[in-house]
PDB file of N, CA and C in Angstrom:
ATOM      1  N   MET A   1      -0.043   4.115 -25.554  1.00  0.00           N
ATOM      2  CA  MET A   1       0.495   4.407 -24.522  1.00  0.00           C
ATOM      3  C   MET A   1       1.193   5.957 -24.671  1.00  0.00           C
ATOM      4  N   HIS A   2       1.060   6.952 -23.650  1.00  0.00           N
ATOM      5  CA  HIS A   2       1.646   8.353 -23.850  1.00  0.00           C
ATOM      6  C   HIS A   2       3.024   8.417 -23.234  1.00  0.00           C
ATOM      7  N   THR A   3       3.766   9.432 -23.695  1.00  0.00           N
ATOM      8  CA  THR A   3       5.042   9.697 -22.969  1.00  0.00           C
ATOM      9  C   THR A   3       4.662  11.074 -22.270  1.00  0.00           C
ATOM     10  N   ILE A   4       5.163  11.535 -21.032  1.00  0.00           N
ATOM     11  CA  ILE A   4       5.150  12.586 -20.502  1.00  0.00           C
ATOM     12  C   ILE A   4       6.654  13.050 -20.132  1.00  0.00           C
ATOM     13  N   GLN A   5       7.087  14.088 -20.336  1.00  0.00           N
ATOM     14  CA  GLN A   5       8.549  14.796 -20.429  1.00  0.00           C
ATOM     15  C   GLN A   5       8.242  15.581 -19.340  1.00  0.00           C
ATOM     16  N   LEU A   6       9.513  15.493 -18.317  1.00  0.00           N
ATOM     17  CA  LEU A   6       9.476  16.182 -16.892  1.00  0.00           C
ATOM     18  C   LEU A   6      10.675  16.789 -16.872  1.00  0.00           C
ATOM     19  N   GLU A   7      10.936  17.966 -16.573  1.00  0.00           N
ATOM     20  CA  GLU A   7      12.107  18.862 -16.180  1.00  0.00           C
ATOM     21  C   GLU A   7      12.428  19.047 -14.834  1.00  0.00           C
ATOM     22  N   LEU A   8      13.679  18.734 -14.338  1.00  0.00           N
ATOM     23  CA  LEU A   8      13.746  18.939 -12.983  1.00  0.00           C
ATOM     24  C   LEU A   8      15.176  19.554 -12.880  1.00  0.00           C
ATOM     25  N   ASN A   9      15.468  20.236 -11.670  1.00  0.00           N
ATOM     26  CA  ASN A   9      16.727  20.904 -11.244  1.00  0.00           C
ATOM     27  C   ASN A   9      17.732  19.880 -11.282  1.00  0.00           C
ATOM     28  N   ASP A  10      19.122  20.210 -11.466  1.00  0.00           N
ATOM     29  CA  ASP A  10      20.129  19.192 -11.558  1.00  0.00           C
ATOM     30  C   ASP A  10      20.280  18.637 -10.248  1.00  0.00           C
ATOM     31  N   ASP A  11      20.046  19.793  -9.275  1.00  0.00           N
ATOM     32  CA  ASP A  11      20.237  19.123  -7.912  1.00  0.00           C
ATOM     33  C   ASP A  11      19.429  18.076  -7.381  1.00  0.00           C
ATOM     34  N   LEU A  12      17.944  18.025  -7.808  1.00  0.00           N
ATOM     35  CA  LEU A  12      17.153  17.432  -7.403  1.00  0.00           C
ATOM     36  C   LEU A  12      17.015  15.793  -8.208  1.00  0.00           C
ATOM     37  N   TYR A  13      17.376  16.138  -9.386  1.00  0.00           N
ATOM     38  CA  TYR A  13      17.611  14.824 -10.014  1.00  0.00           C
ATOM     39  C   TYR A  13      18.798  14.033  -9.575  1.00  0.00           C
ATOM     40  N   GLU A  14      19.973  14.722  -9.206  1.00  0.00           N
ATOM     41  CA  GLU A  14      20.900  13.952  -8.583  1.00  0.00           C
ATOM     42  C   GLU A  14      20.610  13.382  -7.091  1.00  0.00           C
ATOM     43  N   ASN A  15      20.008  14.100  -6.418  1.00  0.00           N
ATOM     44  CA  ASN A  15      19.423  13.747  -5.077  1.00  0.00           C
ATOM     45  C   ASN A  15      18.530  12.182  -5.463  1.00  0.00           C
ATOM     46  N   ILE A  16      17.731  12.218  -6.579  1.00  0.00           N
ATOM     47  CA  ILE A  16      16.965  11.133  -6.737  1.00  0.00           C
ATOM     48  C   ILE A  16      17.739   9.966  -7.125  1.00  0.00           C
ATOM     49  N   VAL A  17      18.709  10.251  -7.941  1.00  0.00           N
ATOM     50  CA  VAL A  17      19.519   9.124  -8.332  1.00  0.00           C
ATOM     51  C   VAL A  17      20.439   8.505  -7.234  1.00  0.00           C
ATOM     52  N   GLU A  18      20.882   9.331  -6.466  1.00  0.00           N
ATOM     53  CA  GLU A  18      21.749   9.221  -5.158  1.00  0.00           C
ATOM     54  C   GLU A  18      20.961   8.154  -4.347  1.00  0.00           C
ATOM     55  N   LYS A  19      19.777   8.186  -4.189  1.00  0.00           N
ATOM     56  CA  LYS A  19      18.583   7.505  -3.099  1.00  0.00           C
ATOM     57  C   LYS A  19      18.215   6.429  -4.175  1.00  0.00           C
ATOM     58  N   ASP A  20      18.557   6.113  -5.422  1.00  0.00           N
ATOM     59  CA  ASP A  20      18.080   4.949  -6.400  1.00  0.00           C
ATOM     60  C   ASP A  20      16.685   4.978  -6.359  1.00  0.00           C
ATOM     61  N   ILE A  21      15.986   5.917  -6.671  1.00  0.00           N
ATOM     62  CA  ILE A  21      14.612   5.976  -6.577  1.00  0.00           C
ATOM     63  C   ILE A  21      14.380   5.654  -8.132  1.00  0.00           C
ATOM     64  N   ASN A  22      13.227   4.877  -8.399  1.00  0.00           N
ATOM     65  CA  ASN A  22      12.719   4.525  -9.625  1.00  0.00           C
ATOM     66  C   ASN A  22      11.687   5.858  -9.975  1.00  0.00           C
ATOM     67  N   ILE A  23      12.224   7.049 -10.737  1.00  0.00           N
ATOM     68  CA  ILE A  23      11.461   7.954 -10.909  1.00  0.00           C
ATOM     69  C   ILE A  23      10.131   7.486 -11.882  1.00  0.00           C
ATOM     70  N   GLN A  24      10.180   6.646 -12.775  1.00  0.00           N
ATOM     71  CA  GLN A  24       9.131   6.336 -13.696  1.00  0.00           C
ATOM     72  C   GLN A  24       7.997   5.783 -12.869  1.00  0.00           C
ATOM     73  N   ASP A  25       8.173   4.768 -11.794  1.00  0.00           N
ATOM     74  CA  ASP A  25       7.339   3.951 -10.936  1.00  0.00           C
ATOM     75  C   ASP A  25       6.799   4.946 -10.000  1.00  0.00           C
ATOM     76  N   LYS A  26       7.437   5.991  -9.449  1.00  0.00           N
ATOM     77  CA  LYS A  26       7.159   6.796  -8.402  1.00  0.00           C
ATOM     78  C   LYS A  26       6.042   7.849  -9.013  1.00  0.00           C
ATOM     79  N   PHE A  27       6.467   8.334 -10.380  1.00  0.00           N
ATOM     80  CA  PHE A  27       5.599   9.254 -11.107  1.00  0.00           C
ATOM     81  C   PHE A  27       4.278   8.465 -11.579  1.00  0.00           C
ATOM     82  N   LYS A  28       4.268   7.215 -11.795  1.00  0.00           N
ATOM     83  CA  LYS A  28       3.224   6.552 -12.195  1.00  0.00           C
ATOM     84  C   LYS A  28       2.189   6.522 -11.136  1.00  0.00           C
ATOM     85  N   GLU A  29       2.733   5.957  -9.923  1.00  0.00           N
ATOM     86  CA  GLU A  29       2.288   6.200  -8.553  1.00  0.00           C
ATOM     87  C   GLU A  29       1.191   7.120  -8.111  1.00  0.00           C
ATOM     88  N   PHE A  30       2.200   8.191  -8.418  1.00  0.00           N
ATOM     89  CA  PHE A  30       1.342   9.607  -7.951  1.00  0.00           C
ATOM     90  C   PHE A  30       0.483   9.927  -9.008  1.00  0.00           C
ATOM     91  N   LEU A  31       0.483   9.789 -10.112  1.00  0.00           N
ATOM     92  CA  LEU A  31      -0.558  10.035 -11.085  1.00  0.00           C
ATOM     93  C   LEU A  31      -1.891   9.040 -10.742  1.00  0.00           C
ATOM     94  N   SER A  32      -1.590   7.965 -10.207  1.00  0.00           N
ATOM     95  CA  SER A  32      -2.706   7.052 -10.249  1.00  0.00           C
ATOM     96  C   SER A  32      -3.497   7.557  -9.037  1.00  0.00           C
ATOM     97  N   THR A  33      -2.822   8.330  -8.281  1.00  0.00           N
ATOM     98  CA  THR A  33      -3.418   8.805  -6.798  1.00  0.00           C
ATOM     99  C   THR A  33      -4.508  10.179  -7.082  1.00  0.00           C
ATOM    100  N   LEU A  34      -4.019  10.710  -8.421  1.00  0.00           N
ATOM    101  CA  LEU A  34      -4.655  11.926  -8.699  1.00  0.00           C
ATOM    102  C   LEU A  34      -5.811  11.637  -9.302  1.00  0.00           C
ATOM    103  N   THR A  35      -6.186  10.347  -9.780  1.00  0.00           N
ATOM    104  CA  THR A  35      -7.249  10.108 -10.403  1.00  0.00           C
ATOM    105  C   THR A  35      -8.231   8.983  -9.621  1.00  0.00           C
ATOM    106  N   ASP A  36      -7.711   8.719  -8.175  1.00  0.00           N
ATOM    107  CA  ASP A  36      -8.452   7.750  -7.457  1.00  0.00           C
ATOM    108  C   ASP A  36      -9.149   8.467  -6.571  1.00  0.00           C
ATOM    109  N   ASP A  37     -10.553   8.311  -6.273  1.00  0.00           N
ATOM    110  CA  ASP A  37     -11.364   8.989  -5.390  1.00  0.00           C
ATOM    111  C   ASP A  37     -11.418   8.386  -3.860  1.00  0.00           C
ATOM    112  N   GLY A  38     -10.536   7.084  -3.767  1.00  0.00           N
ATOM    113  CA  GLY A  38     -10.430   6.526  -2.562  1.00  0.00           C
ATOM    114  C   GLY A  38     -11.663   5.786  -2.373  1.00  0.00           C
ATOM    115  N   TYR A  39     -12.475   5.515  -3.192  1.00  0.00           N
ATOM    116  CA  TYR A  39     -13.446   4.542  -2.981  1.00  0.00           C
ATOM    117  C   TYR A  39     -13.269   3.372  -4.402  1.00  0.00           C
ATOM    118  N   PRO A  40     -13.565   2.212  -3.474  1.00  0.00           N
ATOM    119  CA  PRO A  40     -13.017   1.049  -4.566  1.00  0.00           C
ATOM    120  C   PRO A  40     -14.268   1.125  -5.694  1.00  0.00           C
ATOM    121  N   SER A  41     -13.837   0.541  -6.689  1.00  0.00           N
ATOM    122  CA  SER A  41     -14.673   0.437  -7.839  1.00  0.00           C
ATOM    123  C   SER A  41     -15.767  -0.534  -7.973  1.00  0.00           C
ATOM    124  N   ILE A  42     -17.037  -0.310  -8.054  1.00  0.00           N
ATOM    125  CA  ILE A  42     -18.266  -1.195  -7.876  1.00  0.00           C
ATOM    126  C   ILE A  42     -18.458  -1.575  -9.658  1.00  0.00           C
ATOM    127  N   SER A  43     -19.185  -2.650  -9.918  1.00  0.00           N
ATOM    128  CA  SER A  43     -19.634  -3.074 -11.083  1.00  0.00           C
ATOM    129  C   SER A  43     -21.303  -2.385 -11.045  1.00  0.00           C
ATOM    130  N   PHE A  44     -21.545  -2.042 -12.350  1.00  0.00           N
ATOM    131  CA  PHE A  44     -23.029  -1.620 -12.657  1.00  0.00           C
ATOM    132  C   PHE A  44     -24.093  -2.524 -11.693  1.00  0.00           C
ATOM    133  N   ASN A  45     -23.802  -3.855 -11.975  1.00  0.00           N
ATOM    134  CA  ASN A  45     -24.752  -4.840 -11.283  1.00  0.00           C
ATOM    135  C   ASN A  45     -24.825  -4.499  -9.818  1.00  0.00           C
ATOM    136  N   GLU A  46     -23.268  -4.437  -8.984  1.00  0.00           N
ATOM    137  CA  GLU A  46     -23.463  -4.308  -7.925  1.00  0.00           C
ATOM    138  C   GLU A  46     -23.988  -2.933  -7.419  1.00  0.00           C
ATOM    139  N   ALA A  47     -23.887  -1.825  -7.965  1.00  0.00           N
ATOM    140  CA  ALA A  47     -24.380  -0.363  -7.711  1.00  0.00           C
ATOM    141  C   ALA A  47     -26.006  -0.728  -7.963  1.00  0.00           C
ATOM    142  N   GLN A  48     -26.361  -1.460  -8.685  1.00  0.00           N
ATOM    143  CA  GLN A  48     -28.075  -1.399  -9.058  1.00  0.00           C
ATOM    144  C   GLN A  48     -28.446  -2.394  -8.037  1.00  0.00           C
ATOM    145  N   LYS A  49     -27.718  -3.420  -7.369  1.00  0.00           N
ATOM    146  CA  LYS A  49     -28.114  -4.007  -6.064  1.00  0.00           C
ATOM    147  C   LYS A  49     -28.461  -3.260  -4.965  1.00  0.00           C
ATOM    148  N   ARG A  50     -27.209  -2.628  -4.919  1.00  0.00           N
ATOM    149  CA  ARG A  50     -27.541  -1.346  -3.532  1.00  0.00           C
ATOM    150  C   ARG A  50     -28.494  -0.429  -3.528  1.00  0.00           C
ATOM    151  N   VAL A  51     -28.935  -0.077  -4.756  1.00  0.00           N
ATOM    152  CA  VAL A  51     -29.845   0.687  -4.736  1.00  0.00           C
ATOM    153  C   VAL A  51     -31.168   0.096  -4.520  1.00  0.00           C
ATOM    154  N   LYS A  52     -31.409  -1.009  -5.005  1.00  0.00           N
ATOM    155  CA  LYS A  52     -32.402  -1.927  -4.821  1.00  0.00           C
ATOM    156  C   LYS A  52     -32.620  -2.124  -3.488  1.00  0.00           C
ATOM    157  N   ASN A  53     -31.410  -2.391  -2.752  1.00  0.00           N
ATOM    158  CA  ASN A  53     -31.675  -2.657  -1.557  1.00  0.00           C
ATOM    159  C   ASN A  53     -31.875  -1.666  -0.572  1.00  0.00           C
ATOM    160  N   ALA A  54     -31.539  -0.421  -0.921  1.00  0.00           N
ATOM    161  CA  ALA A  54     -31.884   0.882  -0.239  1.00  0.00           C
ATOM    162  C   ALA A  54     -33.249   1.069  -0.307  1.00  0.00           C
ATOM    163  N   VAL A  55     -33.838   1.148  -1.740  1.00  0.00           N
ATOM    164  CA  VAL A  55     -35.218   1.307  -1.601  1.00  0.00           C
ATOM    165  C   VAL A  55     -35.953   0.442  -1.137  1.00  0.00           C
ATOM    166  N   ASP A  56     -35.630  -1.125  -0.847  1.00  0.00           N
ATOM    167  CA  ASP A  56     -36.649  -1.972  -0.558  1.00  0.00           C
ATOM    168  C   ASP A  56     -36.765  -1.519   1.082  1.00  0.00           C
ATOM    169  N   ASP A  57     -35.269  -1.213   1.685  1.00  0.00           N
ATOM    170  CA  ASP A  57     -35.043  -1.033   3.079  1.00  0.00           C
ATOM    171  C   ASP A  57     -36.272   0.054   3.455  1.00  0.00           C
ATOM    172  N   TYR A  58     -36.348   1.523   2.542  1.00  0.00           N
ATOM    173  CA  TYR A  58     -37.127   2.318   2.858  1.00  0.00           C
ATOM    174  C   TYR A  58     -38.563   1.945   2.615  1.00  0.00           C
ATOM    175  N   LYS A  59     -38.767   1.159   1.779  1.00  0.00           N
ATOM    176  CA  LYS A  59     -40.363   0.636   1.638  1.00  0.00           C
ATOM    177  C   LYS A  59     -41.034  -0.228   2.626  1.00  0.00           C
ATOM    178  N   ASN A  60     -39.907  -1.232   3.040  1.00  0.00           N
ATOM    179  CA  ASN A  60     -40.224  -1.948   4.197  1.00  0.00           C
ATOM    180  C   ASN A  60     -40.047  -1.611   5.811  1.00  0.00           C
ATOM    181  N   SER A  61     -39.302  -0.434   5.683  1.00  0.00           N
ATOM    182  CA  SER A  61     -39.470   0.134   7.178  1.00  0.00           C
ATOM    183  C   SER A  61     -40.377   0.778   8.029  1.00  0.00           C
ATOM    184  N   SER A  62     -40.185   0.471   9.138  1.00  0.00           N
ATOM    185  CA  SER A  62     -41.361   1.117  10.041  1.00  0.00           C
ATOM    186  C   SER A  62     -40.924   2.477  10.504  1.00  0.00           C
ATOM    187  N   ASP A  63     -40.000   2.801   9.964  1.00  0.00           N
ATOM    188  CA  ASP A  63     -39.240   4.347  10.417  1.00  0.00           C
ATOM    189  C   ASP A  63     -40.080   5.328   9.610  1.00  0.00           C
ATOM    190  N   GLU A  64     -40.209   6.680  10.335  1.00  0.00           N
ATOM    191  CA  GLU A  64     -41.071   7.652   9.733  1.00  0.00           C
ATOM    192  C   GLU A  64     -40.135   8.398   9.151  1.00  0.00           C
ATOM    193  N   TYR A  65     -40.580   8.747   7.851  1.00  0.00           N
ATOM    194  CA  TYR A  65     -39.677   9.693   7.212  1.00  0.00           C
ATOM    195  C   TYR A  65     -40.224  11.010   6.810  1.00  0.00           C
ATOM    196  N   LEU A  66     -39.731  12.248   7.384  1.00  0.00           N
ATOM    197  CA  LEU A  66     -40.309  13.479   7.323  1.00  0.00           C
ATOM    198  C   LEU A  66     -40.105  14.317   6.082  1.00  0.00           C
ATOM    199  N   PRO A  67     -41.054  14.837   5.506  1.00  0.00           N
ATOM    200  CA  PRO A  67     -40.580  15.632   4.165  1.00  0.00           C
ATOM    201  C   PRO A  67     -39.704  16.700   4.692  1.00  0.00           C
ATOM    202  N   LEU A  68     -38.957  17.460   3.814  1.00  0.00           N
ATOM    203  CA  LEU A  68     -38.240  18.551   4.398  1.00  0.00           C
ATOM    204  C   LEU A  68     -38.946  19.449   3.860  1.00  0.00           C
ATOM    205  N   ASN A  69     -39.395  20.437   4.728  1.00  0.00           N
ATOM    206  CA  ASN A  69     -40.331  21.601   4.538  1.00  0.00           C
ATOM    207  C   ASN A  69     -39.473  22.909   4.817  1.00  0.00           C
ATOM    208  N   ASP A  70     -40.322  24.090   4.657  1.00  0.00           N
ATOM    209  CA  ASP A  70     -39.637  25.446   4.827  1.00  0.00           C
ATOM    210  C   ASP A  70     -38.880  25.555   6.287  1.00  0.00           C
ATOM    211  N   ASP A  71     -39.676  25.133   7.435  1.00  0.00           N
ATOM    212  CA  ASP A  71     -38.857  24.912   8.565  1.00  0.00           C
ATOM    213  C   ASP A  71     -37.633  24.498   8.651  1.00  0.00           C
ATOM    214  N   TYR A  72     -37.403  23.265   7.937  1.00  0.00           N
ATOM    215  CA  TYR A  72     -36.124  22.207   7.890  1.00  0.00           C
ATOM    216  C   TYR A  72     -35.214  23.411   7.351  1.00  0.00           C
ATOM    217  N   TRP A  73     -35.473  24.148   6.396  1.00  0.00           N
ATOM    218  CA  TRP A  73     -34.403  24.751   5.702  1.00  0.00           C
ATOM    219  C   TRP A  73     -34.163  25.912   6.303  1.00  0.00           C
ATOM    220  N   ASN A  74     -35.105  26.555   6.655  1.00  0.00           N
ATOM    221  CA  ASN A  74     -34.920  27.742   7.669  1.00  0.00           C
ATOM    222  C   ASN A  74     -34.020  27.578   8.855  1.00  0.00           C
ATOM    223  N   ASN A  75     -34.269  26.463   9.548  1.00  0.00           N
ATOM    224  CA  ASN A  75     -33.457  25.807  10.742  1.00  0.00           C
ATOM    225  C   ASN A  75     -32.160  25.719  10.353  1.00  0.00           C
ATOM    226  N   LEU A  76     -31.728  24.983   9.076  1.00  0.00           N
ATOM    227  CA  LEU A  76     -30.505  24.642   8.591  1.00  0.00           C
ATOM    228  C   LEU A  76     -29.854  26.127   7.994  1.00  0.00           C
ATOM    229  N   GLU A  77     -30.553  26.976   7.863  1.00  0.00           N
ATOM    230  CA  GLU A  77     -29.872  27.940   7.286  1.00  0.00           C
ATOM    231  C   GLU A  77     -29.353  28.911   8.482  1.00  0.00           C
ATOM    232  N   ASN A  78     -30.333  29.094   9.680  1.00  0.00           N
ATOM    233  CA  ASN A  78     -29.901  29.693  10.728  1.00  0.00           C
ATOM    234  C   ASN A  78     -28.620  28.999  11.547  1.00  0.00           C
ATOM    235  N   ARG A  79     -28.531  27.655  11.445  1.00  0.00           N
ATOM    236  CA  ARG A  79     -27.571  27.189  11.903  1.00  0.00           C
ATOM    237  C   ARG A  79     -26.381  27.345  11.291  1.00  0.00           C
ATOM    238  N   ILE A  80     -26.360  27.524   9.951  1.00  0.00           N
ATOM    239  CA  ILE A  80     -25.095  27.742   9.276  1.00  0.00           C
ATOM    240  C   ILE A  80     -24.433  29.101   9.653  1.00  0.00           C
ATOM    241  N   ASN A  81     -25.479  30.036   9.651  1.00  0.00           N
ATOM    242  CA  ASN A  81     -25.234  31.248   9.781  1.00  0.00           C
ATOM    243  C   ASN A  81     -24.706  31.759  11.194  1.00  0.00           C
ATOM    244  N   ASN A  82     -25.101  30.819  12.088  1.00  0.00           N
ATOM    245  CA  ASN A  82     -24.237  30.868  13.444  1.00  0.00           C
ATOM    246  C   ASN A  82     -23.237  30.156  13.632  1.00  0.00           C
ATOM    247  N   LEU A  83     -22.646  29.515  12.626  1.00  0.00           N
ATOM    248  CA  LEU A  83     -21.391  29.024  12.625  1.00  0.00           C
ATOM    249  C   LEU A  83     -20.073  29.785  12.948  1.00  0.00           C
TER     250      LEU A  83
END
């Protein structure tokens, strides 16, 4: 475990103390949100299963998949330029 030192202005510290805020808990919560990408974690096996299902869906689909050719990229570039 590591320790982080934090400097606060006196008035801010007094305000936090008056409101009975647990600085350590709030700081830990804040730091956790910095590293959380918003997506729940999944196991390697779950990721492998999802990829396998996606590939199977692609292989067994009657949908038509078109290759991305120069017309596609030119059209996309024109649309971006016209935004």
